[in-house]
């Protein structure tokens, strides 16, 4: 009977630290892997960086288009821009024009045309 009291006393001494270690492991795991953990934070930072880069590209493209449109406004009509747009829309080519064909622009997700 003495040995059962000894085992019971030892078990009580071990259970507390084991529970503490399990609790610390639980919180450490969720601090790294959880919905708001370090890995989720890194992924969110990457998505924000990628989105900011895309936004900068779209903003630059928008500014270029706004500049081209401003050249076609009645108050500041640029004759070269007007002629370029008219020829493009009508498919007209002057006999003295030098035409340099360019390869078609491929989108990254489209296969190459053969």
N, C-alpha and C. Protein backbone atom coordinates (compact mmCIF):
# COMPACT_ATOMS: atom_id res chain seq x y z
N UNK A 1 0.80 -1.18 0.00
CA UNK A 1 0.00 0.00 0.00
C UNK A 1 0.86 1.26 0.00
N UNK A 2 2.03 1.15 0.54
CA UNK A 2 2.92 2.30 0.59
C UNK A 2 3.38 2.71 -0.80
N UNK A 3 3.56 1.70 -1.63
CA UNK A 3 4.02 2.02 -2.98
C UNK A 3 2.95 2.76 -3.79
N UNK A 4 1.64 2.51 -3.52
CA UNK A 4 0.59 3.23 -4.24
C UNK A 4 0.52 4.69 -3.82
N UNK A 5 0.77 5.00 -2.55
CA UNK A 5 0.82 6.39 -2.10
C UNK A 5 2.01 7.11 -2.70
N UNK A 6 3.12 6.36 -2.84
CA UNK A 6 4.32 6.95 -3.43
C UNK A 6 4.08 7.28 -4.91
N UNK A 7 3.44 6.38 -5.64
CA UNK A 7 3.13 6.60 -7.05
C UNK A 7 2.14 7.75 -7.20
N UNK A 8 1.14 7.82 -6.34
CA UNK A 8 0.15 8.89 -6.38
C UNK A 8 0.80 10.24 -6.14
N UNK A 9 1.72 10.31 -5.18
CA UNK A 9 2.42 11.56 -4.88
C UNK A 9 3.29 11.98 -6.07
N UNK A 10 4.00 11.03 -6.68
CA UNK A 10 4.85 11.33 -7.84
C UNK A 10 3.99 11.77 -9.04
N UNK A 11 2.83 11.15 -9.22
CA UNK A 11 1.95 11.52 -10.33
C UNK A 11 1.45 12.95 -10.16
N UNK A 12 1.12 13.34 -8.93
CA UNK A 12 0.68 14.71 -8.69
C UNK A 12 1.79 15.71 -8.97
N UNK A 13 3.01 15.32 -8.71
CA UNK A 13 4.15 16.22 -8.96
C UNK A 13 4.43 16.36 -10.46
N UNK A 14 4.12 15.33 -11.24
CA UNK A 14 4.42 15.33 -12.67
C UNK A 14 3.27 15.94 -13.49
N UNK A 15 2.05 15.80 -13.04
CA UNK A 15 0.90 16.25 -13.83
C UNK A 15 0.93 17.77 -14.06
N UNK A 16 1.28 18.55 -13.08
CA UNK A 16 1.32 20.01 -13.22
C UNK A 16 2.27 20.47 -14.32
N UNK A 17 3.55 20.06 -14.29
CA UNK A 17 4.46 20.47 -15.37
C UNK A 17 4.05 19.94 -16.74
N UNK A 18 3.49 18.72 -16.79
CA UNK A 18 3.04 18.18 -18.09
C UNK A 18 1.89 19.01 -18.65
N UNK A 19 0.96 19.40 -17.81
CA UNK A 19 -0.15 20.24 -18.27
C UNK A 19 0.37 21.61 -18.73
N UNK A 20 1.33 22.17 -17.99
CA UNK A 20 1.91 23.45 -18.38
C UNK A 20 2.62 23.36 -19.72
N UNK A 21 3.38 22.27 -19.92
CA UNK A 21 4.10 22.08 -21.19
C UNK A 21 3.11 21.89 -22.34
N UNK A 22 2.03 21.14 -22.09
CA UNK A 22 1.02 20.94 -23.14
C UNK A 22 0.34 22.26 -23.48
N UNK A 23 0.04 23.06 -22.49
CA UNK A 23 -0.59 24.36 -22.72
C UNK A 23 0.34 25.29 -23.49
N UNK A 24 1.61 25.32 -23.14
CA UNK A 24 2.58 26.15 -23.87
C UNK A 24 2.73 25.67 -25.30
N UNK A 25 2.75 24.35 -25.51
CA UNK A 25 2.88 23.81 -26.87
C UNK A 25 1.66 24.20 -27.71
N UNK A 26 0.49 24.14 -27.11
CA UNK A 26 -0.73 24.51 -27.81
C UNK A 26 -0.67 25.96 -28.30
N UNK A 27 -0.31 26.88 -27.41
CA UNK A 27 -0.25 28.29 -27.80
C UNK A 27 0.88 28.57 -28.77
N UNK A 28 2.01 27.90 -28.63
CA UNK A 28 3.13 28.09 -29.55
C UNK A 28 2.75 27.63 -30.95
N UNK A 29 2.08 26.48 -31.06
CA UNK A 29 1.65 25.97 -32.36
C UNK A 29 0.71 26.97 -33.04
N UNK A 30 -0.28 27.46 -32.30
CA UNK A 30 -1.26 28.38 -32.89
C UNK A 30 -0.66 29.76 -33.15
N UNK A 31 0.40 30.13 -32.46
CA UNK A 31 1.06 31.41 -32.75
C UNK A 31 1.77 31.36 -34.09
N UNK A 32 2.15 30.17 -34.51
CA UNK A 32 2.84 30.02 -35.80
C UNK A 32 1.86 29.61 -36.90
N UNK A 33 1.06 28.60 -36.65
CA UNK A 33 0.21 28.00 -37.69
C UNK A 33 -1.23 28.52 -37.71
N UNK A 34 -1.67 29.24 -36.72
CA UNK A 34 -3.08 29.63 -36.61
C UNK A 34 -3.51 30.64 -37.66
N UNK A 35 -4.80 30.97 -37.61
CA UNK A 35 -5.38 31.92 -38.57
C UNK A 35 -4.73 33.30 -38.48
N UNK A 36 -4.25 33.66 -37.31
CA UNK A 36 -3.58 34.94 -37.12
C UNK A 36 -2.13 34.75 -36.70
N UNK A 37 -1.56 33.62 -37.09
CA UNK A 37 -0.18 33.30 -36.73
C UNK A 37 0.83 33.94 -37.65
N UNK A 38 2.09 33.57 -37.44
CA UNK A 38 3.19 34.16 -38.22
C UNK A 38 3.10 33.82 -39.70
N UNK A 39 2.76 32.59 -40.02
CA UNK A 39 2.70 32.19 -41.44
C UNK A 39 1.57 32.95 -42.15
N UNK A 40 0.42 33.09 -41.49
CA UNK A 40 -0.68 33.86 -42.08
C UNK A 40 -0.26 35.32 -42.26
N UNK A 41 0.48 35.86 -41.31
CA UNK A 41 0.94 37.24 -41.40
C UNK A 41 1.91 37.42 -42.57
N UNK A 42 2.83 36.47 -42.74
CA UNK A 42 3.76 36.54 -43.88
C UNK A 42 3.02 36.46 -45.20
N UNK A 43 2.04 35.55 -45.29
CA UNK A 43 1.26 35.43 -46.53
C UNK A 43 0.48 36.71 -46.82
N UNK A 44 -0.05 37.33 -45.78
CA UNK A 44 -0.78 38.58 -45.96
C UNK A 44 0.14 39.70 -46.42
N UNK A 45 1.34 39.77 -45.85
CA UNK A 45 2.31 40.78 -46.29
C UNK A 45 2.68 40.58 -47.76
N UNK A 46 2.85 39.32 -48.18
CA UNK A 46 3.17 39.02 -49.58
C UNK A 46 2.02 39.47 -50.49
N UNK A 47 0.78 39.17 -50.11
CA UNK A 47 -0.37 39.56 -50.92
C UNK A 47 -0.48 41.08 -51.02
N UNK A 48 -0.21 41.78 -49.92
CA UNK A 48 -0.26 43.24 -49.95
C UNK A 48 0.82 43.80 -50.86
N UNK A 49 2.01 43.24 -50.80
CA UNK A 49 3.12 43.70 -51.65
C UNK A 49 2.81 43.46 -53.12
N UNK A 50 2.26 42.27 -53.43
CA UNK A 50 1.91 41.94 -54.80
C UNK A 50 0.80 42.86 -55.31
N UNK A 51 -0.18 43.14 -54.48
CA UNK A 51 -1.29 44.01 -54.88
C UNK A 51 -0.81 45.45 -55.08
N UNK A 52 0.09 45.90 -54.23
CA UNK A 52 0.64 47.25 -54.41
C UNK A 52 1.41 47.36 -55.72
N UNK A 53 2.15 46.31 -56.09
CA UNK A 53 2.87 46.31 -57.36
C UNK A 53 1.90 46.37 -58.53
N UNK A 54 0.84 45.56 -58.46
CA UNK A 54 -0.17 45.57 -59.52
C UNK A 54 -0.86 46.93 -59.61
N UNK A 55 -1.12 47.53 -58.46
CA UNK A 55 -1.75 48.84 -58.45
C UNK A 55 -0.85 49.89 -59.09
N UNK A 56 0.46 49.81 -58.85
CA UNK A 56 1.39 50.76 -59.46
C UNK A 56 1.39 50.60 -60.99
N UNK A 57 1.34 49.35 -61.46
CA UNK A 57 1.30 49.11 -62.91
C UNK A 57 0.02 49.68 -63.52
N UNK A 58 -1.10 49.43 -62.88
CA UNK A 58 -2.39 49.91 -63.39
C UNK A 58 -2.44 51.43 -63.35
N UNK A 59 -1.89 52.03 -62.31
CA UNK A 59 -1.87 53.49 -62.21
C UNK A 59 -1.03 54.10 -63.33
N UNK A 60 0.11 53.49 -63.63
CA UNK A 60 0.95 53.99 -64.72
C UNK A 60 0.23 53.87 -66.06
N UNK A 61 -0.45 52.73 -66.27
CA UNK A 61 -1.19 52.54 -67.51
C UNK A 61 -2.35 53.54 -67.61
N UNK A 62 -3.01 53.79 -66.49
CA UNK A 62 -4.11 54.76 -66.47
C UNK A 62 -3.61 56.16 -66.81
N UNK A 63 -2.46 56.54 -66.26
CA UNK A 63 -1.91 57.86 -66.54
C UNK A 63 -1.54 58.00 -68.01
N UNK A 64 -0.99 56.93 -68.59
CA UNK A 64 -0.63 56.97 -70.01
C UNK A 64 -1.89 57.12 -70.87
N UNK A 65 -2.94 56.39 -70.52
CA UNK A 65 -4.19 56.50 -71.27
C UNK A 65 -4.82 57.87 -71.09
N UNK A 66 -4.78 58.41 -69.88
CA UNK A 66 -5.33 59.75 -69.65
C UNK A 66 -4.57 60.80 -70.47
N UNK A 67 -3.27 60.62 -70.59
CA UNK A 67 -2.48 61.56 -71.39
C UNK A 67 -2.89 61.48 -72.86
N UNK A 68 -3.06 60.26 -73.37
CA UNK A 68 -3.47 60.10 -74.77
C UNK A 68 -4.85 60.71 -75.00
N UNK A 69 -5.76 60.50 -74.04
CA UNK A 69 -7.10 61.07 -74.18
C UNK A 69 -7.04 62.59 -74.12
N UNK A 70 -6.17 63.13 -73.28
CA UNK A 70 -6.07 64.60 -73.19
C UNK A 70 -5.59 65.20 -74.50
N UNK A 71 -4.82 64.43 -75.28
CA UNK A 71 -4.36 64.94 -76.58
C UNK A 71 -5.49 64.99 -77.60
N UNK A 72 -6.59 64.30 -77.34
CA UNK A 72 -7.72 64.29 -78.27
C UNK A 72 -8.85 65.23 -77.85
N UNK A 73 -8.69 65.93 -76.75
CA UNK A 73 -9.72 66.86 -76.28
C UNK A 73 -9.76 68.08 -77.21
N UNK A 74 -10.97 68.66 -77.39
CA UNK A 74 -11.11 69.79 -78.31
C UNK A 74 -10.22 70.98 -77.97
N UNK A 75 -9.99 71.25 -76.70
CA UNK A 75 -9.18 72.40 -76.31
C UNK A 75 -7.70 72.22 -76.62
N UNK A 76 -7.23 71.00 -76.65
CA UNK A 76 -5.80 70.75 -76.89
C UNK A 76 -5.64 69.60 -77.88
N UNK A 77 -6.27 69.73 -79.02
CA UNK A 77 -6.25 68.67 -80.02
C UNK A 77 -4.87 68.56 -80.67
N UNK A 78 -4.29 67.40 -80.61
CA UNK A 78 -3.00 67.14 -81.23
C UNK A 78 -3.28 66.48 -82.59
N UNK A 79 -2.85 67.14 -83.66
CA UNK A 79 -3.15 66.64 -85.01
C UNK A 79 -2.54 65.27 -85.28
N UNK A 80 -1.35 65.02 -84.77
CA UNK A 80 -0.74 63.71 -84.98
C UNK A 80 -1.56 62.60 -84.31
N UNK A 81 -2.02 62.87 -83.10
CA UNK A 81 -2.81 61.88 -82.39
C UNK A 81 -4.14 61.65 -83.11
N UNK A 82 -4.76 62.73 -83.57
CA UNK A 82 -6.02 62.63 -84.31
C UNK A 82 -5.83 61.81 -85.58
N UNK A 83 -4.75 62.07 -86.30
CA UNK A 83 -4.48 61.33 -87.54
C UNK A 83 -4.23 59.86 -87.23
N UNK A 84 -3.47 59.60 -86.19
CA UNK A 84 -3.18 58.21 -85.81
C UNK A 84 -4.47 57.46 -85.50
N UNK A 85 -5.34 58.06 -84.70
CA UNK A 85 -6.60 57.41 -84.33
C UNK A 85 -7.50 57.22 -85.55
N UNK A 86 -7.57 58.23 -86.42
CA UNK A 86 -8.42 58.13 -87.61
C UNK A 86 -7.93 57.01 -88.52
N UNK A 87 -6.63 56.93 -88.74
CA UNK A 87 -6.09 55.86 -89.60
C UNK A 87 -6.33 54.49 -88.98
N UNK A 88 -6.19 54.40 -87.69
CA UNK A 88 -6.40 53.12 -87.01
C UNK A 88 -7.87 52.70 -87.12
N UNK A 89 -8.77 53.63 -86.89
CA UNK A 89 -10.19 53.30 -86.94
C UNK A 89 -10.67 52.99 -88.36
N UNK A 90 -10.14 53.72 -89.34
CA UNK A 90 -10.59 53.54 -90.73
C UNK A 90 -9.75 52.51 -91.49
N UNK A 91 -8.62 52.13 -90.94
CA UNK A 91 -7.75 51.19 -91.64
C UNK A 91 -7.10 51.83 -92.86
N UNK A 92 -6.93 53.14 -92.84
CA UNK A 92 -6.38 53.87 -93.99
C UNK A 92 -4.86 53.98 -93.87
N UNK A 93 -4.20 53.83 -95.01
CA UNK A 93 -2.75 53.96 -95.05
C UNK A 93 -2.39 54.86 -96.22
N UNK A 94 -1.52 55.81 -95.97
CA UNK A 94 -1.05 56.70 -97.02
C UNK A 94 -0.02 55.94 -97.86
N UNK A 95 0.06 56.20 -99.18
CA UNK A 95 1.02 55.47 -100.03
C UNK A 95 2.48 55.67 -99.62
N UNK A 96 2.80 56.77 -98.99
CA UNK A 96 4.18 57.02 -98.58
C UNK A 96 4.51 56.47 -97.19
N UNK A 97 3.52 55.90 -96.54
CA UNK A 97 3.75 55.40 -95.18
C UNK A 97 4.62 54.14 -95.21
N UNK A 98 5.51 54.04 -94.25
CA UNK A 98 6.33 52.85 -94.06
C UNK A 98 5.69 52.03 -92.94
N UNK A 99 5.27 50.82 -93.25
CA UNK A 99 4.58 49.99 -92.28
C UNK A 99 5.56 48.93 -91.77
N UNK A 100 5.70 48.88 -90.46
CA UNK A 100 6.58 47.89 -89.83
C UNK A 100 5.70 46.97 -89.02
N UNK A 101 5.48 45.74 -89.51
CA UNK A 101 4.61 44.82 -88.76
C UNK A 101 5.32 44.34 -87.48
N UNK A 102 4.56 44.28 -86.43
CA UNK A 102 5.07 43.79 -85.15
C UNK A 102 4.45 42.43 -84.86
N UNK A 103 5.19 41.62 -84.13
CA UNK A 103 4.66 40.32 -83.73
C UNK A 103 3.49 40.56 -82.78
N UNK A 104 2.45 39.72 -82.85
CA UNK A 104 1.31 39.92 -81.95
C UNK A 104 1.74 39.72 -80.50
N UNK A 105 1.16 40.52 -79.65
CA UNK A 105 1.48 40.44 -78.22
C UNK A 105 0.72 39.25 -77.65
N UNK A 106 1.47 38.36 -76.96
CA UNK A 106 0.85 37.19 -76.35
C UNK A 106 0.64 37.44 -74.87
N UNK A 107 -0.51 37.05 -74.40
CA UNK A 107 -0.77 37.12 -72.97
C UNK A 107 -0.07 35.93 -72.31
N UNK A 108 0.35 36.06 -71.07
CA UNK A 108 1.11 34.99 -70.41
C UNK A 108 0.39 33.66 -70.35
N UNK A 109 -0.93 33.65 -70.29
CA UNK A 109 -1.65 32.39 -70.14
C UNK A 109 -2.09 31.79 -71.47
N UNK A 110 -1.81 32.44 -72.59
CA UNK A 110 -2.20 31.94 -73.90
C UNK A 110 -1.04 31.17 -74.52
N UNK A 111 -1.29 30.03 -75.18
CA UNK A 111 -0.22 29.32 -75.88
C UNK A 111 0.19 30.09 -77.14
N UNK A 112 1.40 29.88 -77.56
CA UNK A 112 1.93 30.56 -78.75
C UNK A 112 1.17 30.10 -79.99
N UNK A 113 0.84 31.06 -80.88
CA UNK A 113 0.16 30.74 -82.13
C UNK A 113 1.16 30.18 -83.12
N UNK A 114 0.77 29.11 -83.78
CA UNK A 114 1.70 28.47 -84.73
C UNK A 114 1.18 28.59 -86.13
